[in-house]
Amino acid sequence: MTIRELYHFAIAGNYTSLIYLIEWLRYEQGISMDRDAKNIDYIFETYGKDLSHHITAYQRKVEERGRHTDFK
């Protein structure tokens, strides 16, 4: 499963935290949506406890300016 497919799954299931995580990876970290979704495990290992802070900051940023819509 690619990150793009996981993103569609998250949208369909309204998994808000996962949606913000994937969008943060795409827009803030430049991760390709075509990468294997298993690569997200690496992100958890790399950022550890700080990941929650990054996602919360990204969520506030998005809510202030509106959502990205350039990928599906």
C-alpha atoms as a PDB file:
ATOM      1  CA  MET A   1       0.000   0.000   0.000  1.00  0.00           C
ATOM      2  CA  THR A   2       1.337   3.440  -0.873  1.00  0.00           C
ATOM      3  CA  ILE A   3       1.083   6.531   1.293  1.00  0.00           C
ATOM      4  CA  ARG A   4      -1.407   7.893  -1.264  1.00  0.00           C
ATOM      5  CA  GLU A   5      -3.634   4.822  -0.805  1.00  0.00           C
ATOM      6  CA  LEU A   6      -3.346   5.145   2.957  1.00  0.00           C
ATOM      7  CA  TYR A   7      -4.355   8.810   2.642  1.00  0.00           C
ATOM      8  CA  HIS A   8      -7.507   7.843   0.713  1.00  0.00           C
ATOM      9  CA  PHE A   9      -8.267   5.224   3.367  1.00  0.00           C
ATOM     10  CA  ALA A  10      -7.848   7.878   6.091  1.00  0.00           C
ATOM     11  CA  ILE A  11     -10.181  10.273   4.284  1.00  0.00           C
ATOM     12  CA  ALA A  12     -12.823   7.588   3.722  1.00  0.00           C
ATOM     13  CA  GLY A  13     -12.705   6.623   7.398  1.00  0.00           C
ATOM     14  CA  ASN A  14     -12.405  10.219   8.612  1.00  0.00           C
ATOM     15  CA  TYR A  15      -9.191   9.399  10.512  1.00  0.00           C
ATOM     16  CA  THR A  16      -8.252  13.007  11.188  1.00  0.00           C
ATOM     17  CA  SER A  17      -4.942  12.356  12.948  1.00  0.00           C
ATOM     18  CA  LEU A  18      -3.749  10.106  10.151  1.00  0.00           C
ATOM     19  CA  ILE A  19      -4.831  12.663   7.550  1.00  0.00           C
ATOM     20  CA  TYR A  20      -2.812  15.383   9.272  1.00  0.00           C
ATOM     21  CA  LEU A  21       0.170  13.051   9.658  1.00  0.00           C
ATOM     22  CA  ILE A  22       0.206  12.215   5.957  1.00  0.00           C
ATOM     23  CA  GLU A  23      -0.303  15.831   4.926  1.00  0.00           C
ATOM     24  CA  TRP A  24       2.525  16.906   7.243  1.00  0.00           C
ATOM     25  CA  LEU A  25       4.781  14.268   5.717  1.00  0.00           C
ATOM     26  CA  ARG A  26       3.892  15.460   2.217  1.00  0.00           C
ATOM     27  CA  TYR A  27       3.978  19.210   2.640  1.00  0.00           C
ATOM     28  CA  GLU A  28       6.407  19.778   5.489  1.00  0.00           C
ATOM     29  CA  GLN A  29       8.790  16.870   4.971  1.00  0.00           C
ATOM     30  CA  GLY A  30       8.492  16.414   1.193  1.00  0.00           C
ATOM     31  CA  ILE A  31       7.722  12.692   1.348  1.00  0.00           C
ATOM     32  CA  SER A  32       6.472  11.210  -1.926  1.00  0.00           C
ATOM     33  CA  MET A  33       2.912   9.938  -1.858  1.00  0.00           C
ATOM     34  CA  ASP A  34       4.066   6.981  -3.954  1.00  0.00           C
ATOM     35  CA  ARG A  35       6.314   5.584  -1.222  1.00  0.00           C
ATOM     36  CA  ASP A  36       5.347   2.434   0.604  1.00  0.00           C
ATOM     37  CA  ALA A  37       3.178   3.251   3.622  1.00  0.00           C
ATOM     38  CA  LYS A  38       5.463   1.059   5.735  1.00  0.00           C
ATOM     39  CA  ASN A  39       7.954   3.936   5.574  1.00  0.00           C
ATOM     40  CA  ILE A  40       5.742   5.807   8.042  1.00  0.00           C
ATOM     41  CA  ASP A  41       7.140   3.530  10.755  1.00  0.00           C
ATOM     42  CA  TYR A  42      10.519   5.165  10.139  1.00  0.00           C
ATOM     43  CA  ILE A  43       8.946   8.564  10.832  1.00  0.00           C
ATOM     44  CA  PHE A  44       7.686   7.371  14.221  1.00  0.00           C
ATOM     45  CA  GLU A  45      11.168   6.087  15.055  1.00  0.00           C
ATOM     46  CA  THR A  46      12.858   9.282  13.866  1.00  0.00           C
ATOM     47  CA  TYR A  47      10.614  11.842  15.544  1.00  0.00           C
ATOM     48  CA  GLY A  48       9.467   9.845  18.550  1.00  0.00           C
ATOM     49  CA  LYS A  49       7.803  12.038  21.168  1.00  0.00           C
ATOM     50  CA  ASP A  50       8.245  15.178  19.039  1.00  0.00           C
ATOM     51  CA  LEU A  51       5.934  13.845  16.327  1.00  0.00           C
ATOM     52  CA  SER A  52       2.829  14.879  18.232  1.00  0.00           C
ATOM     53  CA  HIS A  53       4.178  18.431  18.517  1.00  0.00           C
ATOM     54  CA  HIS A  54       4.901  18.593  14.771  1.00  0.00           C
ATOM     55  CA  ILE A  55       1.458  17.290  13.824  1.00  0.00           C
ATOM     56  CA  THR A  56      -0.335  19.647  16.224  1.00  0.00           C
ATOM     57  CA  ALA A  57       1.606  22.621  14.849  1.00  0.00           C
ATOM     58  CA  TYR A  58       0.787  21.536  11.301  1.00  0.00           C
ATOM     59  CA  GLN A  59      -2.896  21.147  12.181  1.00  0.00           C
ATOM     60  CA  ARG A  60      -3.024  24.708  13.551  1.00  0.00           C
ATOM     61  CA  LYS A  61      -1.289  25.976  10.417  1.00  0.00           C
ATOM     62  CA  VAL A  62      -3.787  24.208   8.150  1.00  0.00           C
ATOM     63  CA  GLU A  63      -6.792  25.383  10.117  1.00  0.00           C
ATOM     64  CA  GLU A  64      -5.545  28.973   9.901  1.00  0.00           C
ATOM     65  CA  ARG A  65      -5.020  28.993   6.150  1.00  0.00           C
ATOM     66  CA  GLY A  66      -7.135  26.126   4.769  1.00  0.00           C
ATOM     67  CA  ARG A  67      -6.413  22.599   3.559  1.00  0.00           C
ATOM     68  CA  HIS A  68      -4.147  21.541   0.743  1.00  0.00           C
ATOM     69  CA  THR A  69      -5.943  19.947  -2.166  1.00  0.00           C
ATOM     70  CA  ASP A  70      -3.302  19.375  -4.827  1.00  0.00           C
ATOM     71  CA  PHE A  71      -3.074  15.590  -4.490  1.00  0.00           C
ATOM     72  CA  LYS A  72      -5.608  12.808  -4.468  1.00  0.00           C
END
